[in-house]
Amino acid sequence: MMNKHLLRAAFSVCGIGLLSLGFISCIKDYTCRCEISYSGKPGLPEPTVKEYSIKDNGSGAASKCKAASRVTTEMGITTTETCDLY
């Protein structure tokens, strides 16, 4: 009877450990790629690409990357930064 309880406890601890490893393994480095383009005046630079690393799970990395997208206008020049997980 005692062995049965010890066996259950061991499986419970192992199950929790494996479950934790599963969550940890989802966190990895992702690359966020942002294309930056300019408009509004002649002679502006060609579009450029900026890449940086995000360490998170897939959905967290995608949210952080998308949040980096923006459009700003200053002195008649519009800068558009469009970011996607790569």
C-alpha atoms as a PDB file:
ATOM      1  CA  MET A   1       0.000   0.000   0.000  1.00  0.00           C
ATOM      2  CA  MET A   2       2.814   2.397   0.879  1.00  0.00           C
ATOM      3  CA  ASN A   3       4.634   1.633  -2.384  1.00  0.00           C
ATOM      4  CA  LYS A   4       1.527   2.593  -4.330  1.00  0.00           C
ATOM      5  CA  HIS A   5       1.482   6.065  -2.700  1.00  0.00           C
ATOM      6  CA  LEU A   6       5.218   6.569  -3.268  1.00  0.00           C
ATOM      7  CA  LEU A   7       4.827   5.606  -6.902  1.00  0.00           C
ATOM      8  CA  ARG A   8       1.968   8.106  -7.348  1.00  0.00           C
ATOM      9  CA  ALA A   9       3.999  10.849  -5.682  1.00  0.00           C
ATOM     10  CA  ALA A  10       6.978  10.141  -7.940  1.00  0.00           C
ATOM     11  CA  PHE A  11       4.811  10.325 -11.060  1.00  0.00           C
ATOM     12  CA  SER A  12       3.223  13.549  -9.832  1.00  0.00           C
ATOM     13  CA  VAL A  13       6.604  15.196  -9.293  1.00  0.00           C
ATOM     14  CA  CYS A  14       7.897  13.941 -12.653  1.00  0.00           C
ATOM     15  CA  GLY A  15       4.747  15.117 -14.397  1.00  0.00           C
ATOM     16  CA  ILE A  16       5.126  18.605 -12.956  1.00  0.00           C
ATOM     17  CA  GLY A  17       8.796  18.641 -13.955  1.00  0.00           C
ATOM     18  CA  LEU A  18       8.012  17.588 -17.511  1.00  0.00           C
ATOM     19  CA  LEU A  19       5.208  20.124 -17.717  1.00  0.00           C
ATOM     20  CA  SER A  20       7.583  22.873 -16.568  1.00  0.00           C
ATOM     21  CA  LEU A  21      10.166  21.826 -19.143  1.00  0.00           C
ATOM     22  CA  GLY A  22       7.491  22.043 -21.808  1.00  0.00           C
ATOM     23  CA  PHE A  23       6.792  25.676 -20.942  1.00  0.00           C
ATOM     24  CA  ILE A  24      10.462  26.559 -20.758  1.00  0.00           C
ATOM     25  CA  SER A  25      11.228  24.940 -24.089  1.00  0.00           C
ATOM     26  CA  CYS A  26       8.718  27.212 -25.854  1.00  0.00           C
ATOM     27  CA  ILE A  27      10.790  30.262 -24.950  1.00  0.00           C
ATOM     28  CA  LYS A  28      13.427  30.851 -27.584  1.00  0.00           C
ATOM     29  CA  ASP A  29      15.017  33.558 -29.701  1.00  0.00           C
ATOM     30  CA  TYR A  30      12.884  34.917 -32.526  1.00  0.00           C
ATOM     31  CA  THR A  31      13.878  37.519 -35.090  1.00  0.00           C
ATOM     32  CA  CYS A  32      11.746  40.597 -35.558  1.00  0.00           C
ATOM     33  CA  ARG A  33      12.257  42.217 -38.961  1.00  0.00           C
ATOM     34  CA  CYS A  34      11.146  45.805 -39.507  1.00  0.00           C
ATOM     35  CA  GLU A  35      11.019  47.513 -42.905  1.00  0.00           C
ATOM     36  CA  ILE A  36      11.415  51.266 -42.608  1.00  0.00           C
ATOM     37  CA  SER A  37      10.264  53.474 -45.462  1.00  0.00           C
ATOM     38  CA  TYR A  38      10.067  57.242 -45.895  1.00  0.00           C
ATOM     39  CA  SER A  39       7.671  59.456 -47.846  1.00  0.00           C
ATOM     40  CA  GLY A  40       6.582  63.063 -48.137  1.00  0.00           C
ATOM     41  CA  LYS A  41       9.548  64.773 -49.786  1.00  0.00           C
ATOM     42  CA  PRO A  42      11.828  64.029 -52.734  1.00  0.00           C
ATOM     43  CA  GLY A  43      15.296  62.598 -52.186  1.00  0.00           C
ATOM     44  CA  LEU A  44      14.532  60.542 -49.077  1.00  0.00           C
ATOM     45  CA  PRO A  45      16.486  57.329 -48.405  1.00  0.00           C
ATOM     46  CA  GLU A  46      15.425  54.009 -49.893  1.00  0.00           C
ATOM     47  CA  PRO A  47      13.575  51.631 -47.561  1.00  0.00           C
ATOM     48  CA  THR A  48      15.824  49.879 -45.036  1.00  0.00           C
ATOM     49  CA  VAL A  49      15.453  46.736 -42.944  1.00  0.00           C
ATOM     50  CA  LYS A  50      16.245  46.461 -39.247  1.00  0.00           C
ATOM     51  CA  GLU A  51      16.323  43.104 -37.440  1.00  0.00           C
ATOM     52  CA  TYR A  52      16.547  42.359 -33.748  1.00  0.00           C
ATOM     53  CA  SER A  53      16.124  39.364 -31.475  1.00  0.00           C
ATOM     54  CA  ILE A  54      13.200  38.779 -29.116  1.00  0.00           C
ATOM     55  CA  LYS A  55      13.425  36.051 -26.482  1.00  0.00           C
ATOM     56  CA  ASP A  56       9.908  34.879 -25.646  1.00  0.00           C
ATOM     57  CA  ASN A  57       7.345  32.256 -26.586  1.00  0.00           C
ATOM     58  CA  GLY A  58       5.866  32.416 -30.091  1.00  0.00           C
ATOM     59  CA  SER A  59       2.776  34.495 -29.367  1.00  0.00           C
ATOM     60  CA  GLY A  60       4.630  36.829 -26.988  1.00  0.00           C
ATOM     61  CA  ALA A  61       7.379  37.442 -29.538  1.00  0.00           C
ATOM     62  CA  ALA A  62       4.818  38.095 -32.281  1.00  0.00           C
ATOM     63  CA  SER A  63       2.977  40.629 -30.088  1.00  0.00           C
ATOM     64  CA  LYS A  64       6.161  42.447 -29.125  1.00  0.00           C
ATOM     65  CA  CYS A  65       7.330  42.560 -32.732  1.00  0.00           C
ATOM     66  CA  LYS A  66       3.991  43.859 -34.063  1.00  0.00           C
ATOM     67  CA  ALA A  67       3.970  46.499 -31.298  1.00  0.00           C
ATOM     68  CA  ALA A  68       7.201  47.922 -32.751  1.00  0.00           C
ATOM     69  CA  SER A  69       5.334  48.885 -35.964  1.00  0.00           C
ATOM     70  CA  ARG A  70       4.541  52.588 -36.165  1.00  0.00           C
ATOM     71  CA  VAL A  71       3.967  55.560 -38.422  1.00  0.00           C
ATOM     72  CA  THR A  72       5.383  58.965 -37.481  1.00  0.00           C
ATOM     73  CA  THR A  73       5.358  62.294 -39.301  1.00  0.00           C
ATOM     74  CA  GLU A  74       7.834  65.043 -38.596  1.00  0.00           C
ATOM     75  CA  MET A  75       8.536  68.125 -40.700  1.00  0.00           C
ATOM     76  CA  GLY A  76       6.480  66.705 -43.587  1.00  0.00           C
ATOM     77  CA  ILE A  77       8.359  63.370 -43.695  1.00  0.00           C
ATOM     78  CA  THR A  78       6.380  60.248 -42.873  1.00  0.00           C
ATOM     79  CA  THR A  79       8.348  57.301 -41.532  1.00  0.00           C
ATOM     80  CA  THR A  80       6.557  53.948 -41.698  1.00  0.00           C
ATOM     81  CA  GLU A  81       8.016  51.042 -39.742  1.00  0.00           C
ATOM     82  CA  THR A  82       6.300  47.708 -40.450  1.00  0.00           C
ATOM     83  CA  CYS A  83       7.472  44.830 -38.252  1.00  0.00           C
ATOM     84  CA  ASP A  84       6.806  41.087 -38.523  1.00  0.00           C
ATOM     85  CA  LEU A  85       8.242  38.009 -36.879  1.00  0.00           C
ATOM     86  CA  TYR A  86      10.709  36.417 -39.248  1.00  0.00           C
END
